[in-house]
């Protein structure tokens, strides 16, 4: 069984699917921040300096180890030359 088959089997459980969907949001944010940082040639330390925080905070954000505040995400967005938009669908 490959990774995708295991994932599909696990996602058949409503509990696992709900948890997966909840985590997908932070994963997508993390992925986008990493991509923007890399596109701009910034290290985690460089981004941290622009945000006014420590490199370890950027590392935790990118690893998904904690849920960042909207205020922190706004600072990161501005440091990357972007705006943070939150939408309800």
N, C-alpha and C. Protein backbone atom coordinates (compact mmCIF):
# COMPACT_ATOMS: atom_id res chain seq x y z
N UNK A 1 0.86 -1.17 0.00
CA UNK A 1 0.00 0.00 0.00
C UNK A 1 0.91 1.25 0.00
N UNK A 2 0.64 2.19 -0.91
CA UNK A 2 1.44 3.42 -0.96
C UNK A 2 0.83 4.50 -0.07
N UNK A 3 1.53 5.64 0.01
CA UNK A 3 1.11 6.73 0.88
C UNK A 3 -0.32 7.20 0.57
N UNK A 4 -0.61 7.41 -0.68
CA UNK A 4 -1.93 7.92 -1.06
C UNK A 4 -3.04 6.94 -0.70
N UNK A 5 -2.78 5.65 -0.87
CA UNK A 5 -3.78 4.64 -0.51
C UNK A 5 -4.04 4.62 1.00
N UNK A 6 -2.97 4.75 1.78
CA UNK A 6 -3.11 4.79 3.24
C UNK A 6 -3.90 6.04 3.64
N UNK A 7 -3.55 7.17 3.03
CA UNK A 7 -4.25 8.42 3.32
C UNK A 7 -5.74 8.29 3.00
N UNK A 8 -6.05 7.79 1.84
CA UNK A 8 -7.45 7.63 1.44
C UNK A 8 -8.21 6.72 2.40
N UNK A 9 -7.57 5.64 2.83
CA UNK A 9 -8.21 4.72 3.77
C UNK A 9 -8.47 5.41 5.11
N UNK A 10 -7.48 6.15 5.62
CA UNK A 10 -7.64 6.85 6.89
C UNK A 10 -8.72 7.92 6.82
N UNK A 11 -8.80 8.61 5.68
CA UNK A 11 -9.77 9.70 5.54
C UNK A 11 -11.21 9.21 5.42
N UNK A 12 -11.40 7.92 5.34
CA UNK A 12 -12.76 7.37 5.34
C UNK A 12 -13.41 7.51 6.72
N UNK A 13 -12.58 7.64 7.75
CA UNK A 13 -13.09 7.84 9.10
C UNK A 13 -13.50 9.30 9.26
N UNK A 14 -14.75 9.56 9.66
CA UNK A 14 -15.19 10.95 9.85
C UNK A 14 -14.34 11.72 10.86
N UNK A 15 -13.89 11.05 11.92
CA UNK A 15 -13.07 11.73 12.93
C UNK A 15 -11.72 12.14 12.34
N UNK A 16 -11.10 11.23 11.61
CA UNK A 16 -9.80 11.53 10.99
C UNK A 16 -9.98 12.61 9.94
N UNK A 17 -11.04 12.54 9.16
CA UNK A 17 -11.30 13.54 8.12
C UNK A 17 -11.49 14.93 8.73
N UNK A 18 -12.23 15.02 9.82
CA UNK A 18 -12.44 16.33 10.48
C UNK A 18 -11.13 16.91 10.97
N UNK A 19 -10.31 16.08 11.59
CA UNK A 19 -9.01 16.54 12.09
C UNK A 19 -8.09 16.94 10.94
N UNK A 20 -8.09 16.16 9.88
CA UNK A 20 -7.29 16.46 8.70
C UNK A 20 -7.71 17.80 8.10
N UNK A 21 -9.00 18.02 7.97
CA UNK A 21 -9.50 19.27 7.39
C UNK A 21 -9.12 20.47 8.27
N UNK A 22 -9.17 20.29 9.58
CA UNK A 22 -8.82 21.38 10.51
C UNK A 22 -7.33 21.73 10.38
N UNK A 23 -6.50 20.73 10.22
CA UNK A 23 -5.06 20.96 10.10
C UNK A 23 -4.66 21.46 8.72
N UNK A 24 -5.47 21.20 7.72
CA UNK A 24 -5.15 21.60 6.35
C UNK A 24 -4.98 23.12 6.25
N UNK A 25 -5.76 23.87 6.97
CA UNK A 25 -5.69 25.33 6.90
C UNK A 25 -4.31 25.81 7.32
N UNK A 26 -3.84 25.37 8.48
CA UNK A 26 -2.53 25.81 8.96
C UNK A 26 -1.42 25.28 8.05
N UNK A 27 -1.59 24.07 7.52
CA UNK A 27 -0.60 23.51 6.59
C UNK A 27 -0.51 24.37 5.34
N UNK A 28 -1.65 24.78 4.80
CA UNK A 28 -1.64 25.62 3.59
C UNK A 28 -0.99 26.97 3.85
N UNK A 29 -1.25 27.56 5.01
CA UNK A 29 -0.63 28.84 5.38
C UNK A 29 0.88 28.66 5.49
N UNK A 30 1.29 27.62 6.20
CA UNK A 30 2.71 27.32 6.38
C UNK A 30 3.40 27.15 5.03
N UNK A 31 2.78 26.39 4.15
CA UNK A 31 3.36 26.13 2.83
C UNK A 31 3.52 27.42 2.03
N UNK A 32 2.53 28.28 2.09
CA UNK A 32 2.59 29.54 1.35
C UNK A 32 3.67 30.47 1.91
N UNK A 33 3.78 30.54 3.23
CA UNK A 33 4.81 31.39 3.85
C UNK A 33 6.20 30.90 3.45
N UNK A 34 6.42 29.60 3.52
CA UNK A 34 7.72 29.04 3.13
C UNK A 34 8.03 29.39 1.68
N UNK A 35 7.04 29.21 0.80
CA UNK A 35 7.27 29.48 -0.62
C UNK A 35 7.58 30.97 -0.86
N UNK A 36 6.83 31.85 -0.22
CA UNK A 36 7.08 33.30 -0.36
C UNK A 36 8.48 33.66 0.15
N UNK A 37 8.85 33.10 1.29
CA UNK A 37 10.16 33.38 1.87
C UNK A 37 11.27 32.92 0.93
N UNK A 38 11.14 31.71 0.40
CA UNK A 38 12.16 31.18 -0.51
C UNK A 38 12.21 31.96 -1.81
N UNK A 39 11.04 32.34 -2.34
CA UNK A 39 10.99 33.12 -3.58
C UNK A 39 11.72 34.45 -3.43
N UNK A 40 11.71 34.99 -2.21
CA UNK A 40 12.37 36.27 -1.95
C UNK A 40 13.81 36.09 -1.49
N UNK A 41 14.28 34.85 -1.45
CA UNK A 41 15.66 34.57 -1.08
C UNK A 41 15.96 34.86 0.38
N UNK A 42 14.96 34.73 1.23
CA UNK A 42 15.13 35.02 2.65
C UNK A 42 15.34 33.75 3.46
N UNK A 43 16.24 33.81 4.42
CA UNK A 43 16.37 32.72 5.39
C UNK A 43 15.32 32.95 6.47
N UNK A 44 15.15 31.96 7.33
CA UNK A 44 14.24 32.16 8.46
C UNK A 44 14.72 33.32 9.33
N UNK A 45 16.03 33.43 9.49
CA UNK A 45 16.58 34.52 10.30
C UNK A 45 16.29 35.87 9.65
N UNK A 46 16.44 35.96 8.31
CA UNK A 46 16.14 37.21 7.60
C UNK A 46 14.68 37.62 7.81
N UNK A 47 13.78 36.65 7.65
CA UNK A 47 12.35 36.94 7.81
C UNK A 47 12.06 37.35 9.25
N UNK A 48 12.67 36.66 10.20
CA UNK A 48 12.46 37.00 11.61
C UNK A 48 12.87 38.44 11.89
N UNK A 49 13.99 38.87 11.34
CA UNK A 49 14.44 40.25 11.54
C UNK A 49 13.44 41.24 10.95
N UNK A 50 12.89 40.93 9.79
CA UNK A 50 11.90 41.81 9.16
C UNK A 50 10.61 41.87 9.97
N UNK A 51 10.26 40.76 10.60
CA UNK A 51 9.03 40.68 11.40
C UNK A 51 9.24 41.32 12.77
N UNK A 52 10.49 41.27 13.25
CA UNK A 52 10.78 41.76 14.59
C UNK A 52 10.62 40.68 15.64
N UNK A 53 11.02 39.46 15.26
CA UNK A 53 10.91 38.32 16.16
C UNK A 53 12.19 37.50 16.06
N UNK A 54 12.20 36.35 16.69
CA UNK A 54 13.36 35.46 16.65
C UNK A 54 13.18 34.41 15.56
N UNK A 55 14.31 33.90 15.09
CA UNK A 55 14.30 32.85 14.07
C UNK A 55 13.51 31.64 14.55
N UNK A 56 13.57 31.35 15.84
CA UNK A 56 12.85 30.18 16.37
C UNK A 56 11.33 30.32 16.20
N UNK A 57 10.83 31.55 16.24
CA UNK A 57 9.39 31.77 16.04
C UNK A 57 8.99 31.46 14.60
N UNK A 58 9.85 31.83 13.65
CA UNK A 58 9.58 31.52 12.24
C UNK A 58 9.67 30.01 12.03
N UNK A 59 10.65 29.38 12.67
CA UNK A 59 10.79 27.93 12.56
C UNK A 59 9.55 27.22 13.07
N UNK A 60 9.03 27.65 14.24
CA UNK A 60 7.81 27.03 14.79
C UNK A 60 6.62 27.26 13.86
N UNK A 61 6.54 28.46 13.29
CA UNK A 61 5.45 28.76 12.36
C UNK A 61 5.51 27.84 11.15
N UNK A 62 6.69 27.71 10.57
CA UNK A 62 6.83 26.90 9.35
C UNK A 62 6.69 25.41 9.62
N UNK A 63 7.00 24.98 10.82
CA UNK A 63 6.88 23.55 11.12
C UNK A 63 5.46 23.17 11.51
N UNK A 64 4.63 24.18 11.81
CA UNK A 64 3.26 23.91 12.21
C UNK A 64 3.14 23.48 13.65
N UNK A 65 4.17 23.78 14.47
CA UNK A 65 4.17 23.35 15.86
C UNK A 65 3.19 24.13 16.74
N UNK A 66 2.70 25.26 16.25
CA UNK A 66 1.74 26.02 17.03
C UNK A 66 0.83 26.79 16.10
N UNK A 67 -0.29 27.25 16.63
CA UNK A 67 -1.23 28.03 15.85
C UNK A 67 -0.91 29.51 16.05
N UNK A 68 -0.46 30.19 15.00
CA UNK A 68 -0.09 31.59 15.14
C UNK A 68 -1.32 32.48 15.28
N UNK A 69 -1.12 33.63 15.91
CA UNK A 69 -2.20 34.60 16.03
C UNK A 69 -2.37 35.32 14.70
N UNK A 70 -3.52 35.91 14.52
CA UNK A 70 -3.77 36.72 13.32
C UNK A 70 -2.80 37.89 13.28
N UNK A 71 -2.52 38.47 14.45
CA UNK A 71 -1.57 39.58 14.53
C UNK A 71 -0.19 39.15 14.02
N UNK A 72 0.27 37.98 14.43
CA UNK A 72 1.59 37.50 14.00
C UNK A 72 1.58 37.22 12.50
N UNK A 73 0.53 36.59 11.99
CA UNK A 73 0.44 36.32 10.56
C UNK A 73 0.42 37.62 9.75
N UNK A 74 -0.22 38.66 10.29
CA UNK A 74 -0.25 39.96 9.62
C UNK A 74 1.16 40.54 9.54
N UNK A 75 1.93 40.43 10.61
CA UNK A 75 3.31 40.92 10.61
C UNK A 75 4.16 40.16 9.58
N UNK A 76 3.98 38.86 9.52
CA UNK A 76 4.72 38.04 8.56
C UNK A 76 4.33 38.43 7.14
N UNK A 77 3.04 38.59 6.90
CA UNK A 77 2.56 38.99 5.57
C UNK A 77 3.19 40.32 5.16
N UNK A 78 3.17 41.30 6.03
CA UNK A 78 3.74 42.61 5.71
C UNK A 78 5.24 42.51 5.47
N UNK A 79 5.93 41.70 6.25
CA UNK A 79 7.38 41.52 6.07
C UNK A 79 7.68 40.90 4.70
N UNK A 80 6.73 40.14 4.18
CA UNK A 80 6.89 39.51 2.87
C UNK A 80 6.30 40.36 1.74
N UNK A 81 5.85 41.57 2.09
CA UNK A 81 5.27 42.46 1.09
C UNK A 81 3.87 42.07 0.67
N UNK A 82 3.17 41.39 1.54
CA UNK A 82 1.82 40.89 1.24
C UNK A 82 0.83 41.42 2.26
N UNK A 83 -0.45 41.18 2.00
CA UNK A 83 -1.51 41.49 2.95
C UNK A 83 -2.18 40.17 3.35
N UNK A 84 -2.60 40.11 4.60
CA UNK A 84 -3.33 38.94 5.07
C UNK A 84 -4.82 39.17 4.86
N UNK A 85 -5.48 38.23 4.23
CA UNK A 85 -6.93 38.26 4.04
C UNK A 85 -7.51 36.97 4.59
N UNK A 86 -8.55 37.10 5.38
CA UNK A 86 -9.24 35.93 5.93
C UNK A 86 -10.67 35.97 5.42
N UNK A 87 -11.11 34.87 4.85
CA UNK A 87 -12.45 34.81 4.28
C UNK A 87 -13.22 33.64 4.86
N UNK A 88 -14.50 33.83 4.98
CA UNK A 88 -15.40 32.73 5.35
C UNK A 88 -16.17 32.33 4.10
N UNK A 89 -16.22 31.04 3.84
CA UNK A 89 -16.92 30.53 2.65
C UNK A 89 -18.08 29.68 3.08
